[in-house]
Amino acid sequence: TGEPALHYLRLPYGIATMHVFLMDATLATGAAAMMAIRILLDHDVPEESISFVCLIASKPGVQAIAYAFPKVRIIMGELDPDIDEHYHICPGLGNFGDRFFGTS
């Protein structure tokens, strides 16, 4: 659907005082990352204490996060220019989860 859904939430006691490394294999639209960042902010984690780490990102996803949360650090291995109509990073590597878990 392109829309993120929260399935589980469990944060450590005192997370508001920690530096949080939020990790995902890919950053396509930025929607899932923005939802996760919003949850951290709702639990009093300062924006400047959040680093988002991914292997591969799309330029639109990075721009969306940087616009919404300018103090969050984004660390990526590769930046690709776009996403397609299926929300896959282009040129990218297809659906990372399908490749990793052998599903389709």
PDB file of N, CA and C in Angstrom:
ATOM      1  N   THR A   1       0.808  -1.198   0.000  1.00  0.00           N
ATOM      2  CA  THR A   1       0.000   0.000   0.000  1.00  0.00           C
ATOM      3  C   THR A   1       0.851   1.261   0.000  1.00  0.00           C
ATOM      4  N   GLY A   2       2.096   1.129   0.404  1.00  0.00           N
ATOM      5  CA  GLY A   2       2.931   2.310   0.520  1.00  0.00           C
ATOM      6  C   GLY A   2       2.771   3.021   1.846  1.00  0.00           C
ATOM      7  N   GLU A   3       1.843   2.557   2.671  1.00  0.00           N
ATOM      8  CA  GLU A   3       1.611   3.161   3.987  1.00  0.00           C
ATOM      9  C   GLU A   3       2.188   2.264   5.075  1.00  0.00           C
ATOM     10  N   PRO A   4       2.958   2.823   6.007  1.00  0.00           N
ATOM     11  CA  PRO A   4       3.517   2.003   7.083  1.00  0.00           C
ATOM     12  C   PRO A   4       2.445   1.635   8.103  1.00  0.00           C
ATOM     13  N   ALA A   5       2.677   0.528   8.789  1.00  0.00           N
ATOM     14  CA  ALA A   5       1.780   0.094   9.862  1.00  0.00           C
ATOM     15  C   ALA A   5       2.622  -0.329  11.055  1.00  0.00           C
ATOM     16  N   LEU A   6       2.236   0.119  12.224  1.00  0.00           N
ATOM     17  CA  LEU A   6       2.946  -0.255  13.448  1.00  0.00           C
ATOM     18  C   LEU A   6       2.396  -1.590  13.941  1.00  0.00           C
ATOM     19  N   HIS A   7       3.264  -2.585  14.045  1.00  0.00           N
ATOM     20  CA  HIS A   7       2.844  -3.910  14.480  1.00  0.00           C
ATOM     21  C   HIS A   7       3.260  -4.207  15.916  1.00  0.00           C
ATOM     22  N   TYR A   8       4.303  -3.544  16.386  1.00  0.00           N
ATOM     23  CA  TYR A   8       4.831  -3.856  17.713  1.00  0.00           C
ATOM     24  C   TYR A   8       5.619  -2.648  18.207  1.00  0.00           C
ATOM     25  N   LEU A   9       5.539  -2.376  19.481  1.00  0.00           N
ATOM     26  CA  LEU A   9       6.291  -1.273  20.059  1.00  0.00           C
ATOM     27  C   LEU A   9       6.779  -1.673  21.444  1.00  0.00           C
ATOM     28  N   ARG A  10       8.075  -1.641  21.631  1.00  0.00           N
ATOM     29  CA  ARG A  10       8.668  -1.866  22.942  1.00  0.00           C
ATOM     30  C   ARG A  10       9.974  -1.087  22.983  1.00  0.00           C
ATOM     31  N   LEU A  11       9.991  -0.083  23.814  1.00  0.00           N
ATOM     32  CA  LEU A  11      11.160   0.781  23.925  1.00  0.00           C
ATOM     33  C   LEU A  11      11.772   0.610  25.309  1.00  0.00           C
ATOM     34  N   PRO A  12      13.092   0.749  25.417  1.00  0.00           N
ATOM     35  CA  PRO A  12      13.732   0.599  26.733  1.00  0.00           C
ATOM     36  C   PRO A  12      13.410   1.764  27.668  1.00  0.00           C
ATOM     37  N   TYR A  13      13.392   1.467  28.942  1.00  0.00           N
ATOM     38  CA  TYR A  13      13.203   2.500  29.958  1.00  0.00           C
ATOM     39  C   TYR A  13      14.320   3.530  29.812  1.00  0.00           C
ATOM     40  N   GLY A  14      13.988   4.787  29.867  1.00  0.00           N
ATOM     41  CA  GLY A  14      14.973   5.862  29.804  1.00  0.00           C
ATOM     42  C   GLY A  14      15.444   6.187  28.396  1.00  0.00           C
ATOM     43  N   ILE A  15      14.697   5.771  27.380  1.00  0.00           N
ATOM     44  CA  ILE A  15      15.131   6.006  25.997  1.00  0.00           C
ATOM     45  C   ILE A  15      15.305   7.493  25.691  1.00  0.00           C
ATOM     46  N   ALA A  16      14.595   8.334  26.406  1.00  0.00           N
ATOM     47  CA  ALA A  16      14.681   9.777  26.158  1.00  0.00           C
ATOM     48  C   ALA A  16      16.082  10.332  26.410  1.00  0.00           C
ATOM     49  N   THR A  17      16.896   9.621  27.170  1.00  0.00           N
ATOM     50  CA  THR A  17      18.253  10.088  27.484  1.00  0.00           C
ATOM     51  C   THR A  17      19.316   9.416  26.620  1.00  0.00           C
ATOM     52  N   MET A  18      18.898   8.546  25.697  1.00  0.00           N
ATOM     53  CA  MET A  18      19.838   7.771  24.884  1.00  0.00           C
ATOM     54  C   MET A  18      19.976   8.352  23.486  1.00  0.00           C
ATOM     55  N   HIS A  19      21.085   8.000  22.818  1.00  0.00           N
ATOM     56  CA  HIS A  19      21.194   8.257  21.389  1.00  0.00           C
ATOM     57  C   HIS A  19      20.659   7.015  20.693  1.00  0.00           C
ATOM     58  N   VAL A  20      19.710   7.195  19.784  1.00  0.00           N
ATOM     59  CA  VAL A  20      19.032   6.070  19.148  1.00  0.00           C
ATOM     60  C   VAL A  20      19.500   5.931  17.702  1.00  0.00           C
ATOM     61  N   PHE A  21      19.936   4.725  17.354  1.00  0.00           N
ATOM     62  CA  PHE A  21      20.245   4.380  15.979  1.00  0.00           C
ATOM     63  C   PHE A  21      19.057   3.595  15.440  1.00  0.00           C
ATOM     64  N   LEU A  22      18.295   4.234  14.580  1.00  0.00           N
ATOM     65  CA  LEU A  22      17.119   3.633  13.957  1.00  0.00           C
ATOM     66  C   LEU A  22      17.596   3.013  12.648  1.00  0.00           C
ATOM     67  N   MET A  23      17.424   1.686  12.504  1.00  0.00           N
ATOM     68  CA  MET A  23      18.008   0.990  11.357  1.00  0.00           C
ATOM     69  C   MET A  23      16.949   0.327  10.499  1.00  0.00           C
ATOM     70  N   ASP A  24      17.151   0.429   9.186  1.00  0.00           N
ATOM     71  CA  ASP A  24      16.312  -0.257   8.211  1.00  0.00           C
ATOM     72  C   ASP A  24      17.203  -0.536   7.003  1.00  0.00           C
ATOM     73  N   ALA A  25      16.946  -1.615   6.302  1.00  0.00           N
ATOM     74  CA  ALA A  25      17.779  -1.955   5.147  1.00  0.00           C
ATOM     75  C   ALA A  25      17.664  -0.901   4.052  1.00  0.00           C
ATOM     76  N   THR A  26      16.430  -0.426   3.815  1.00  0.00           N
ATOM     77  CA  THR A  26      16.223   0.524   2.733  1.00  0.00           C
ATOM     78  C   THR A  26      15.399   1.717   3.201  1.00  0.00           C
ATOM     79  N   LEU A  27      15.568   2.812   2.507  1.00  0.00           N
ATOM     80  CA  LEU A  27      14.768   4.020   2.717  1.00  0.00           C
ATOM     81  C   LEU A  27      14.224   4.405   1.351  1.00  0.00           C
ATOM     82  N   ALA A  28      12.959   4.073   1.092  1.00  0.00           N
ATOM     83  CA  ALA A  28      12.355   4.365  -0.212  1.00  0.00           C
ATOM     84  C   ALA A  28      11.564   5.664  -0.148  1.00  0.00           C
ATOM     85  N   THR A  29      10.337   5.622   0.341  1.00  0.00           N
ATOM     86  CA  THR A  29       9.518   6.840   0.430  1.00  0.00           C
ATOM     87  C   THR A  29       9.831   7.653   1.682  1.00  0.00           C
ATOM     88  N   GLY A  30      10.327   6.980   2.705  1.00  0.00           N
ATOM     89  CA  GLY A  30      10.584   7.629   3.983  1.00  0.00           C
ATOM     90  C   GLY A  30       9.425   7.504   4.959  1.00  0.00           C
ATOM     91  N   ALA A  31       8.292   6.952   4.518  1.00  0.00           N
ATOM     92  CA  ALA A  31       7.095   6.900   5.362  1.00  0.00           C
ATOM     93  C   ALA A  31       7.301   6.070   6.627  1.00  0.00           C
ATOM     94  N   ALA A  32       7.889   4.892   6.499  1.00  0.00           N
ATOM     95  CA  ALA A  32       8.100   4.033   7.673  1.00  0.00           C
ATOM     96  C   ALA A  32       9.095   4.675   8.638  1.00  0.00           C
ATOM     97  N   ALA A  33      10.156   5.238   8.092  1.00  0.00           N
ATOM     98  CA  ALA A  33      11.151   5.907   8.938  1.00  0.00           C
ATOM     99  C   ALA A  33      10.538   7.097   9.662  1.00  0.00           C
ATOM    100  N   MET A  34       9.713   7.863   8.965  1.00  0.00           N
ATOM    101  CA  MET A  34       9.083   9.020   9.605  1.00  0.00           C
ATOM    102  C   MET A  34       8.123   8.591  10.708  1.00  0.00           C
ATOM    103  N   MET A  35       7.412   7.479  10.518  1.00  0.00           N
ATOM    104  CA  MET A  35       6.542   6.981  11.566  1.00  0.00           C
ATOM    105  C   MET A  35       7.370   6.567  12.790  1.00  0.00           C
ATOM    106  N   ALA A  36       8.469   5.867  12.561  1.00  0.00           N
ATOM    107  CA  ALA A  36       9.326   5.435  13.666  1.00  0.00           C
ATOM    108  C   ALA A  36       9.949   6.635  14.388  1.00  0.00           C
ATOM    109  N   ILE A  37      10.393   7.623  13.638  1.00  0.00           N
ATOM    110  CA  ILE A  37      10.961   8.835  14.243  1.00  0.00           C
ATOM    111  C   ILE A  37       9.905   9.548  15.080  1.00  0.00           C
ATOM    112  N   ARG A  38       8.684   9.638  14.547  1.00  0.00           N
ATOM    113  CA  ARG A  38       7.588  10.292  15.284  1.00  0.00           C
ATOM    114  C   ARG A  38       7.327   9.573  16.609  1.00  0.00           C
ATOM    115  N   ILE A  39       7.373   8.254  16.612  1.00  0.00           N
ATOM    116  CA  ILE A  39       7.179   7.483  17.849  1.00  0.00           C
ATOM    117  C   ILE A  39       8.286   7.802  18.847  1.00  0.00           C
ATOM    118  N   LEU A  40       9.521   7.869  18.368  1.00  0.00           N
ATOM    119  CA  LEU A  40      10.624   8.226  19.273  1.00  0.00           C
ATOM    120  C   LEU A  40      10.433   9.627  19.839  1.00  0.00           C
ATOM    121  N   LEU A  41      10.042  10.561  18.999  1.00  0.00           N
ATOM    122  CA  LEU A  41       9.800  11.932  19.474  1.00  0.00           C
ATOM    123  C   LEU A  41       8.650  11.959  20.480  1.00  0.00           C
ATOM    124  N   ASP A  42       7.624  11.144  20.246  1.00  0.00           N
ATOM    125  CA  ASP A  42       6.494  11.065  21.182  1.00  0.00           C
ATOM    126  C   ASP A  42       6.907  10.495  22.537  1.00  0.00           C
ATOM    127  N   HIS A  43       8.046   9.782  22.556  1.00  0.00           N
ATOM    128  CA  HIS A  43       8.578   9.246  23.811  1.00  0.00           C
ATOM    129  C   HIS A  43       9.760  10.086  24.313  1.00  0.00           C
ATOM    130  N   ASP A  44       9.772  11.343  23.899  1.00  0.00           N
ATOM    131  CA  ASP A  44      10.697  12.372  24.395  1.00  0.00           C
ATOM    132  C   ASP A  44      12.156  12.182  23.996  1.00  0.00           C
ATOM    133  N   VAL A  45      12.417  11.423  22.941  1.00  0.00           N
ATOM    134  CA  VAL A  45      13.779  11.347  22.414  1.00  0.00           C
ATOM    135  C   VAL A  45      14.010  12.612  21.594  1.00  0.00           C
ATOM    136  N   PRO A  46      15.028  13.395  21.914  1.00  0.00           N
ATOM    137  CA  PRO A  46      15.283  14.616  21.135  1.00  0.00           C
ATOM    138  C   PRO A  46      15.649  14.271  19.690  1.00  0.00           C
ATOM    139  N   GLU A  47      15.173  15.078  18.769  1.00  0.00           N
ATOM    140  CA  GLU A  47      15.438  14.843  17.348  1.00  0.00           C
ATOM    141  C   GLU A  47      16.929  14.710  17.058  1.00  0.00           C
ATOM    142  N   GLU A  48      17.747  15.528  17.708  1.00  0.00           N
ATOM    143  CA  GLU A  48      19.191  15.479  17.469  1.00  0.00           C
ATOM    144  C   GLU A  48      19.853  14.234  18.057  1.00  0.00           C
ATOM    145  N   SER A  49      19.095  13.435  18.811  1.00  0.00           N
ATOM    146  CA  SER A  49      19.614  12.187  19.377  1.00  0.00           C
ATOM    147  C   SER A  49      19.198  10.964  18.558  1.00  0.00           C
ATOM    148  N   ILE A  50      18.701  11.196  17.351  1.00  0.00           N
ATOM    149  CA  ILE A  50      18.262  10.105  16.482  1.00  0.00           C
ATOM    150  C   ILE A  50      19.137  10.080  15.234  1.00  0.00           C
ATOM    151  N   SER A  51      19.674   8.897  14.926  1.00  0.00           N
ATOM    152  CA  SER A  51      20.394   8.672  13.674  1.00  0.00           C
ATOM    153  C   SER A  51      19.676   7.557  12.925  1.00  0.00           C
ATOM    154  N   PHE A  52      19.312   7.809  11.669  1.00  0.00           N
ATOM    155  CA  PHE A  52      18.685   6.788  10.835  1.00  0.00           C
ATOM    156  C   PHE A  52      19.771   6.176   9.957  1.00  0.00           C
ATOM    157  N   VAL A  53      19.893   4.842   9.997  1.00  0.00           N
ATOM    158  CA  VAL A  53      20.946   4.134   9.272  1.00  0.00           C
ATOM    159  C   VAL A  53      20.315   3.154   8.291  1.00  0.00           C
ATOM    160  N   CYS A  54      20.746   3.194   7.028  1.00  0.00           N
ATOM    161  CA  CYS A  54      20.240   2.244   6.035  1.00  0.00           C
ATOM    162  C   CYS A  54      21.340   1.881   5.040  1.00  0.00           C
ATOM    163  N   LEU A  55      21.126   0.770   4.341  1.00  0.00           N
ATOM    164  CA  LEU A  55      22.083   0.345   3.320  1.00  0.00           C
ATOM    165  C   LEU A  55      21.933   1.157   2.042  1.00  0.00           C
ATOM    166  N   ILE A  56      20.686   1.332   1.608  1.00  0.00           N
ATOM    167  CA  ILE A  56      20.422   2.021   0.350  1.00  0.00           C
ATOM    168  C   ILE A  56      19.208   2.930   0.527  1.00  0.00           C
ATOM    169  N   ALA A  57      19.260   4.106  -0.058  1.00  0.00           N
ATOM    170  CA  ALA A  57      18.186   5.087   0.103  1.00  0.00           C
ATOM    171  C   ALA A  57      17.855   5.717  -1.243  1.00  0.00           C
ATOM    172  N   SER A  58      16.619   6.208  -1.348  1.00  0.00           N
ATOM    173  CA  SER A  58      16.232   6.989  -2.522  1.00  0.00           C
ATOM    174  C   SER A  58      16.325   8.462  -2.162  1.00  0.00           C
ATOM    175  N   LYS A  59      16.610   9.269  -3.166  1.00  0.00           N
ATOM    176  CA  LYS A  59      16.687  10.715  -2.942  1.00  0.00           C
ATOM    177  C   LYS A  59      15.370  11.277  -2.409  1.00  0.00           C
ATOM    178  N   PRO A  60      14.189  10.881  -2.966  1.00  0.00           N
ATOM    179  CA  PRO A  60      12.938  11.403  -2.406  1.00  0.00           C
ATOM    180  C   PRO A  60      12.726  11.030  -0.936  1.00  0.00           C
ATOM    181  N   GLY A  61      13.126   9.831  -0.539  1.00  0.00           N
ATOM    182  CA  GLY A  61      12.987   9.422   0.853  1.00  0.00           C
ATOM    183  C   GLY A  61      13.866  10.236   1.783  1.00  0.00           C
ATOM    184  N   VAL A  62      15.099  10.455   1.372  1.00  0.00           N
ATOM    185  CA  VAL A  62      16.025  11.269   2.169  1.00  0.00           C
ATOM    186  C   VAL A  62      15.502  12.698   2.289  1.00  0.00           C
ATOM    187  N   GLN A  63      15.005  13.240   1.174  1.00  0.00           N
ATOM    188  CA  GLN A  63      14.475  14.604   1.199  1.00  0.00           C
ATOM    189  C   GLN A  63      13.256  14.710   2.115  1.00  0.00           C
ATOM    190  N   ALA A  64      12.395  13.692   2.107  1.00  0.00           N
ATOM    191  CA  ALA A  64      11.201  13.714   2.957  1.00  0.00           C
ATOM    192  C   ALA A  64      11.579  13.736   4.432  1.00  0.00           C
ATOM    193  N   ILE A  65      12.532  12.887   4.822  1.00  0.00           N
ATOM    194  CA  ILE A  65      12.957  12.855   6.225  1.00  0.00           C
ATOM    195  C   ILE A  65      13.670  14.153   6.603  1.00  0.00           C
ATOM    196  N   ALA A  66      14.570  14.609   5.741  1.00  0.00           N
ATOM    197  CA  ALA A  66      15.320  15.835   6.040  1.00  0.00           C
ATOM    198  C   ALA A  66      14.400  17.042   6.175  1.00  0.00           C
ATOM    199  N   TYR A  67      13.337  17.094   5.382  1.00  0.00           N
ATOM    200  CA  TYR A  67      12.382  18.195   5.461  1.00  0.00           C
ATOM    201  C   TYR A  67      11.561  18.118   6.753  1.00  0.00           C
ATOM    202  N   ALA A  68      11.079  16.915   7.080  1.00  0.00           N
ATOM    203  CA  ALA A  68      10.221  16.742   8.260  1.00  0.00           C
ATOM    204  C   ALA A  68      11.005  16.798   9.569  1.00  0.00           C
ATOM    205  N   PHE A  69      12.228  16.268   9.555  1.00  0.00           N
ATOM    206  CA  PHE A  69      13.039  16.166  10.776  1.00  0.00           C
ATOM    207  C   PHE A  69      14.469  16.605  10.474  1.00  0.00           C
ATOM    208  N   PRO A  70      14.719  17.885  10.353  1.00  0.00           N
ATOM    209  CA  PRO A  70      16.036  18.359   9.916  1.00  0.00           C
ATOM    210  C   PRO A  70      17.196  18.046  10.861  1.00  0.00           C
ATOM    211  N   LYS A  71      16.919  17.714  12.107  1.00  0.00           N
ATOM    212  CA  LYS A  71      18.002  17.425  13.054  1.00  0.00           C
ATOM    213  C   LYS A  71      18.358  15.944  13.130  1.00  0.00           C
ATOM    214  N   VAL A  72      17.591  15.085  12.461  1.00  0.00           N
ATOM    215  CA  VAL A  72      17.898  13.651  12.445  1.00  0.00           C
ATOM    216  C   VAL A  72      19.038  13.406  11.463  1.00  0.00           C
ATOM    217  N   ARG A  73      20.047  12.668  11.898  1.00  0.00           N
ATOM    218  CA  ARG A  73      21.156  12.309  11.018  1.00  0.00           C
ATOM    219  C   ARG A  73      20.736  11.123  10.154  1.00  0.00           C
ATOM    220  N   ILE A  74      21.087  11.152   8.881  1.00  0.00           N
ATOM    221  CA  ILE A  74      20.801  10.043   7.973  1.00  0.00           C
ATOM    222  C   ILE A  74      22.142   9.497   7.486  1.00  0.00           C
ATOM    223  N   ILE A  75      22.349   8.213   7.743  1.00  0.00           N
ATOM    224  CA  ILE A  75      23.596   7.541   7.353  1.00  0.00           C
ATOM    225  C   ILE A  75      23.215   6.434   6.380  1.00  0.00           C
ATOM    226  N   MET A  76      23.781   6.466   5.176  1.00  0.00           N
ATOM    227  CA  MET A  76      23.412   5.471   4.163  1.00  0.00           C
ATOM    228  C   MET A  76      24.643   4.972   3.440  1.00  0.00           C
ATOM    229  N   GLY A  77      24.537   3.752   2.920  1.00  0.00           N
ATOM    230  CA  GLY A  77      25.628   3.200   2.131  1.00  0.00           C
ATOM    231  C   GLY A  77      25.590   3.659   0.688  1.00  0.00           C
ATOM    232  N   GLU A  78      24.387   3.860   0.152  1.00  0.00           N
ATOM    233  CA  GLU A  78      24.213   4.234  -1.254  1.00  0.00           C
ATOM    234  C   GLU A  78      22.980   5.108  -1.396  1.00  0.00           C
ATOM    235  N   LEU A  79      23.046   6.095  -2.272  1.00  0.00           N
ATOM    236  CA  LEU A  79      21.909   6.964  -2.571  1.00  0.00           C
ATOM    237  C   LEU A  79      21.542   6.787  -4.041  1.00  0.00           C
ATOM    238  N   ASP A  80      20.309   6.332  -4.294  1.00  0.00           N
ATOM    239  CA  ASP A  80      19.808   6.185  -5.653  1.00  0.00           C
ATOM    240  C   ASP A  80      18.814   7.302  -5.936  1.00  0.00           C
ATOM    241  N   PRO A  81      18.620   7.643  -7.216  1.00  0.00           N
ATOM    242  CA  PRO A  81      17.881   8.859  -7.561  1.00  0.00           C
ATOM    243  C   PRO A  81      16.367   8.828  -7.388  1.00  0.00           C
ATOM    244  N   ASP A  82      15.715   7.659  -7.425  1.00  0.00           N
ATOM    245  CA  ASP A  82      14.253   7.693  -7.487  1.00  0.00           C
ATOM    246  C   ASP A  82      13.621   6.430  -6.925  1.00  0.00           C
ATOM    247  N   ILE A  83      12.274   6.410  -6.907  1.00  0.00           N
ATOM    248  CA  ILE A  83      11.495   5.215  -6.585  1.00  0.00           C
ATOM    249  C   ILE A  83      10.480   5.011  -7.707  1.00  0.00           C
ATOM    250  N   ASP A  84      10.066   3.738  -7.909  1.00  0.00           N
ATOM    251  CA  ASP A  84       9.094   3.462  -8.967  1.00  0.00           C
ATOM    252  C   ASP A  84       7.681   3.388  -8.396  1.00  0.00           C
ATOM    253  N   GLU A  85       6.723   3.004  -9.238  1.00  0.00           N
ATOM    254  CA  GLU A  85       5.314   2.964  -8.822  1.00  0.00           C
ATOM    255  C   GLU A  85       5.022   1.887  -7.780  1.00  0.00           C
ATOM    256  N   HIS A  86       5.973   0.953  -7.588  1.00  0.00           N
ATOM    257  CA  HIS A  86       5.819  -0.092  -6.559  1.00  0.00           C
ATOM    258  C   HIS A  86       6.587   0.269  -5.288  1.00  0.00           C
ATOM    259  N   TYR A  87       7.073   1.487  -5.207  1.00  0.00           N
ATOM    260  CA  TYR A  87       7.844   2.001  -4.072  1.00  0.00           C
ATOM    261  C   TYR A  87       9.196   1.319  -3.915  1.00  0.00           C
ATOM    262  N   HIS A  88       9.743   0.814  -5.010  1.00  0.00           N
ATOM    263  CA  HIS A  88      11.090   0.242  -5.000  1.00  0.00           C
ATOM    264  C   HIS A  88      12.080   1.327  -5.400  1.00  0.00           C
ATOM    265  N   ILE A  89      13.235   1.285  -4.803  1.00  0.00           N
ATOM    266  CA  ILE A  89      14.285   2.254  -5.110  1.00  0.00           C
ATOM    267  C   ILE A  89      14.825   1.970  -6.509  1.00  0.00           C
ATOM    268  N   CYS A  90      15.002   3.031  -7.320  1.00  0.00           N
ATOM    269  CA  CYS A  90      15.502   2.893  -8.694  1.00  0.00           C
ATOM    270  C   CYS A  90      16.852   3.580  -8.832  1.00  0.00           C
ATOM    271  N   PRO A  91      17.846   2.933  -9.403  1.00  0.00           N
ATOM    272  CA  PRO A  91      17.752   1.580  -9.914  1.00  0.00           C
ATOM    273  C   PRO A  91      17.671   0.533  -8.808  1.00  0.00           C
ATOM    274  N   GLY A  92      18.265   0.775  -7.669  1.00  0.00           N
ATOM    275  CA  GLY A  92      18.098  -0.074  -6.494  1.00  0.00           C
ATOM    276  C   GLY A  92      18.396  -1.534  -6.698  1.00  0.00           C
ATOM    277  N   LEU A  93      17.709  -2.361  -5.924  1.00  0.00           N
ATOM    278  CA  LEU A  93      17.940  -3.796  -5.967  1.00  0.00           C
ATOM    279  C   LEU A  93      16.636  -4.570  -5.841  1.00  0.00           C
ATOM    280  N   GLY A  94      15.510  -3.930  -6.146  1.00  0.00           N
ATOM    281  CA  GLY A  94      14.221  -4.593  -5.996  1.00  0.00           C
ATOM    282  C   GLY A  94      13.755  -4.531  -4.558  1.00  0.00           C
ATOM    283  N   ASN A  95      12.931  -5.475  -4.164  1.00  0.00           N
ATOM    284  CA  ASN A  95      12.428  -5.516  -2.795  1.00  0.00           C
ATOM    285  C   ASN A  95      13.457  -6.210  -1.913  1.00  0.00           C
ATOM    286  N   PHE A  96      14.060  -5.467  -1.000  1.00  0.00           N
ATOM    287  CA  PHE A  96      15.125  -6.019  -0.167  1.00  0.00           C
ATOM    288  C   PHE A  96      14.642  -7.213   0.642  1.00  0.00           C
ATOM    289  N   GLY A  97      13.451  -7.119   1.227  1.00  0.00           N
ATOM    290  CA  GLY A  97      12.925  -8.225   2.031  1.00  0.00           C
ATOM    291  C   GLY A  97      12.753  -9.485   1.205  1.00  0.00           C
ATOM    292  N   ASP A  98      12.225  -9.356  -0.016  1.00  0.00           N
ATOM    293  CA  ASP A  98      12.063 -10.517  -0.891  1.00  0.00           C
ATOM    294  C   ASP A  98      13.418 -11.139  -1.219  1.00  0.00           C
ATOM    295  N   ARG A  99      14.391 -10.315  -1.504  1.00  0.00           N
ATOM    296  CA  ARG A  99      15.717 -10.848  -1.815  1.00  0.00           C
ATOM    297  C   ARG A  99      16.352 -11.528  -0.599  1.00  0.00           C
ATOM    298  N   PHE A 100      16.233 -10.899   0.550  1.00  0.00           N
ATOM    299  CA  PHE A 100      16.873 -11.426   1.757  1.00  0.00           C
ATOM    300  C   PHE A 100      16.236 -12.729   2.225  1.00  0.00           C
ATOM    301  N   PHE A 101      14.875 -12.767   2.199  1.00  0.00           N
ATOM    302  CA  PHE A 101      14.168 -13.928   2.720  1.00  0.00           C
ATOM    303  C   PHE A 101      13.761 -14.932   1.640  1.00  0.00           C
ATOM    304  N   GLY A 102      14.069 -14.656   0.363  1.00  0.00           N
ATOM    305  CA  GLY A 102      13.730 -15.567  -0.710  1.00  0.00           C
ATOM    306  C   GLY A 102      12.235 -15.668  -0.986  1.00  0.00           C
ATOM    307  N   THR A 103      11.503 -14.588  -0.744  1.00  0.00           N
ATOM    308  CA  THR A 103      10.060 -14.557  -0.989  1.00  0.00           C
ATOM    309  C   THR A 103       9.778 -13.697  -2.208  1.00  0.00           C
ATOM    310  N   SER A 104       8.520 -13.629  -2.592  1.00  0.00           N
ATOM    311  CA  SER A 104       8.181 -12.744  -3.720  1.00  0.00           C
ATOM    312  C   SER A 104       6.846 -12.075  -3.489  1.00  0.00           C
TER     313      SER A 104
END
